[in-house]
Amino acid sequence: MRGSLREIIHSPFRIVYRHDPKTVRIVRIWRSERQLRLTEHEDKPT
């Protein structure tokens, strides 16, 4: 089974990674020049 893709937003960077049971693999990192606005739901950790 493949791990799930997840995203971290740490302004101005966005990081996409794959989380497997034993490893974490970085898929992509990029810098966004635009300010990202999160809704209240997206801003709170689950």
N, C-alpha and C. Protein backbone atom coordinates (compact mmCIF):
# COMPACT_ATOMS: atom_id res chain seq x y z
N MET A 1 0.84 -1.18 0.00
CA MET A 1 0.00 0.00 0.00
C MET A 1 0.89 1.24 0.00
N ARG A 2 0.53 2.22 -0.79
CA ARG A 2 1.30 3.47 -0.87
C ARG A 2 0.84 4.41 0.23
N GLY A 3 1.77 5.22 0.70
CA GLY A 3 1.44 6.19 1.74
C GLY A 3 0.61 7.33 1.18
N SER A 4 0.12 8.14 2.08
CA SER A 4 -0.73 9.25 1.67
C SER A 4 0.11 10.48 1.36
N LEU A 5 -0.35 11.26 0.39
CA LEU A 5 0.30 12.53 0.08
C LEU A 5 -0.24 13.58 1.04
N ARG A 6 0.66 14.39 1.55
CA ARG A 6 0.27 15.45 2.48
C ARG A 6 0.98 16.72 2.07
N GLU A 7 0.45 17.84 2.57
CA GLU A 7 1.02 19.14 2.24
C GLU A 7 1.21 19.96 3.50
N ILE A 8 2.36 20.62 3.58
CA ILE A 8 2.62 21.56 4.66
C ILE A 8 2.72 22.94 4.02
N ILE A 9 2.03 23.90 4.59
CA ILE A 9 2.14 25.28 4.12
C ILE A 9 2.78 26.08 5.23
N HIS A 10 3.99 26.51 4.98
CA HIS A 10 4.74 27.34 5.93
C HIS A 10 5.21 28.54 5.12
N SER A 11 4.33 29.54 5.09
CA SER A 11 4.52 30.69 4.21
C SER A 11 5.94 31.24 4.28
N PRO A 12 6.57 31.47 3.15
CA PRO A 12 6.05 31.42 1.78
C PRO A 12 6.26 30.07 1.09
N PHE A 13 6.62 29.03 1.83
CA PHE A 13 6.92 27.74 1.22
C PHE A 13 5.74 26.78 1.31
N ARG A 14 5.66 25.92 0.30
CA ARG A 14 4.69 24.82 0.28
C ARG A 14 5.47 23.54 0.04
N ILE A 15 5.19 22.54 0.84
CA ILE A 15 5.93 21.28 0.78
C ILE A 15 4.93 20.14 0.64
N VAL A 16 5.14 19.31 -0.38
CA VAL A 16 4.30 18.12 -0.56
C VAL A 16 5.18 16.91 -0.25
N TYR A 17 4.66 16.01 0.58
CA TYR A 17 5.44 14.83 0.95
C TYR A 17 4.55 13.60 1.02
N ARG A 18 5.16 12.43 0.90
CA ARG A 18 4.46 11.15 0.99
C ARG A 18 4.83 10.52 2.32
N HIS A 19 3.82 10.18 3.09
CA HIS A 19 4.03 9.60 4.42
C HIS A 19 3.73 8.11 4.36
N ASP A 20 4.77 7.29 4.46
CA ASP A 20 4.64 5.83 4.51
C ASP A 20 4.82 5.40 5.96
N PRO A 21 4.47 4.15 6.29
CA PRO A 21 4.60 3.70 7.68
C PRO A 21 6.01 3.88 8.27
N LYS A 22 7.05 3.70 7.46
CA LYS A 22 8.41 3.78 7.99
C LYS A 22 9.23 4.94 7.44
N THR A 23 8.72 5.64 6.44
CA THR A 23 9.50 6.72 5.82
C THR A 23 8.63 7.93 5.49
N VAL A 24 9.29 9.04 5.33
CA VAL A 24 8.67 10.26 4.81
C VAL A 24 9.52 10.71 3.64
N ARG A 25 8.89 10.89 2.48
CA ARG A 25 9.62 11.28 1.27
C ARG A 25 9.11 12.62 0.77
N ILE A 26 10.05 13.54 0.56
CA ILE A 26 9.70 14.85 0.02
C ILE A 26 9.40 14.69 -1.47
N VAL A 27 8.25 15.18 -1.90
CA VAL A 27 7.86 15.11 -3.30
C VAL A 27 8.18 16.42 -4.01
N ARG A 28 7.83 17.54 -3.38
CA ARG A 28 8.04 18.83 -4.02
C ARG A 28 8.09 19.93 -2.97
N ILE A 29 8.97 20.91 -3.18
CA ILE A 29 9.04 22.11 -2.36
C ILE A 29 9.05 23.30 -3.30
N TRP A 30 8.23 24.28 -3.04
CA TRP A 30 8.29 25.49 -3.85
C TRP A 30 7.91 26.70 -3.02
N ARG A 31 8.30 27.84 -3.54
CA ARG A 31 8.05 29.11 -2.87
C ARG A 31 6.95 29.84 -3.62
N SER A 32 5.94 30.23 -2.89
CA SER A 32 4.82 30.96 -3.48
C SER A 32 4.96 32.43 -3.14
N GLU A 33 4.97 33.27 -4.14
CA GLU A 33 5.10 34.71 -3.91
C GLU A 33 3.78 35.32 -3.46
N ARG A 34 2.68 34.67 -3.81
CA ARG A 34 1.38 35.18 -3.39
C ARG A 34 1.10 34.75 -1.96
N GLN A 35 0.43 35.59 -1.21
CA GLN A 35 0.01 35.23 0.14
C GLN A 35 -1.18 34.28 0.04
N LEU A 36 -1.10 33.17 0.74
CA LEU A 36 -2.17 32.18 0.73
C LEU A 36 -3.09 32.44 1.91
N ARG A 37 -4.37 32.56 1.64
CA ARG A 37 -5.33 32.76 2.72
C ARG A 37 -6.04 31.45 2.99
N LEU A 38 -5.98 31.02 4.24
CA LEU A 38 -6.64 29.79 4.64
C LEU A 38 -7.98 30.10 5.26
N THR A 39 -8.94 29.23 5.02
CA THR A 39 -10.22 29.37 5.69
C THR A 39 -10.05 28.93 7.13
N GLU A 40 -11.02 29.22 7.96
CA GLU A 40 -10.93 28.85 9.37
C GLU A 40 -10.76 27.35 9.53
N HIS A 41 -11.45 26.57 8.70
CA HIS A 41 -11.36 25.10 8.77
C HIS A 41 -9.96 24.62 8.43
N GLU A 42 -9.33 25.19 7.42
CA GLU A 42 -8.00 24.76 6.98
C GLU A 42 -6.91 25.21 7.95
N ASP A 43 -7.17 26.28 8.68
CA ASP A 43 -6.17 26.85 9.57
C ASP A 43 -5.98 26.03 10.85
N LYS A 44 -6.99 25.28 11.25
CA LYS A 44 -6.92 24.51 12.49
C LYS A 44 -6.41 23.10 12.23
N PRO A 45 -5.47 22.63 13.07
CA PRO A 45 -4.99 21.25 12.90
C PRO A 45 -6.08 20.25 13.24
N THR A 46 -6.04 19.09 12.60
CA THR A 46 -7.04 18.05 12.88
C THR A 46 -6.49 17.03 13.82
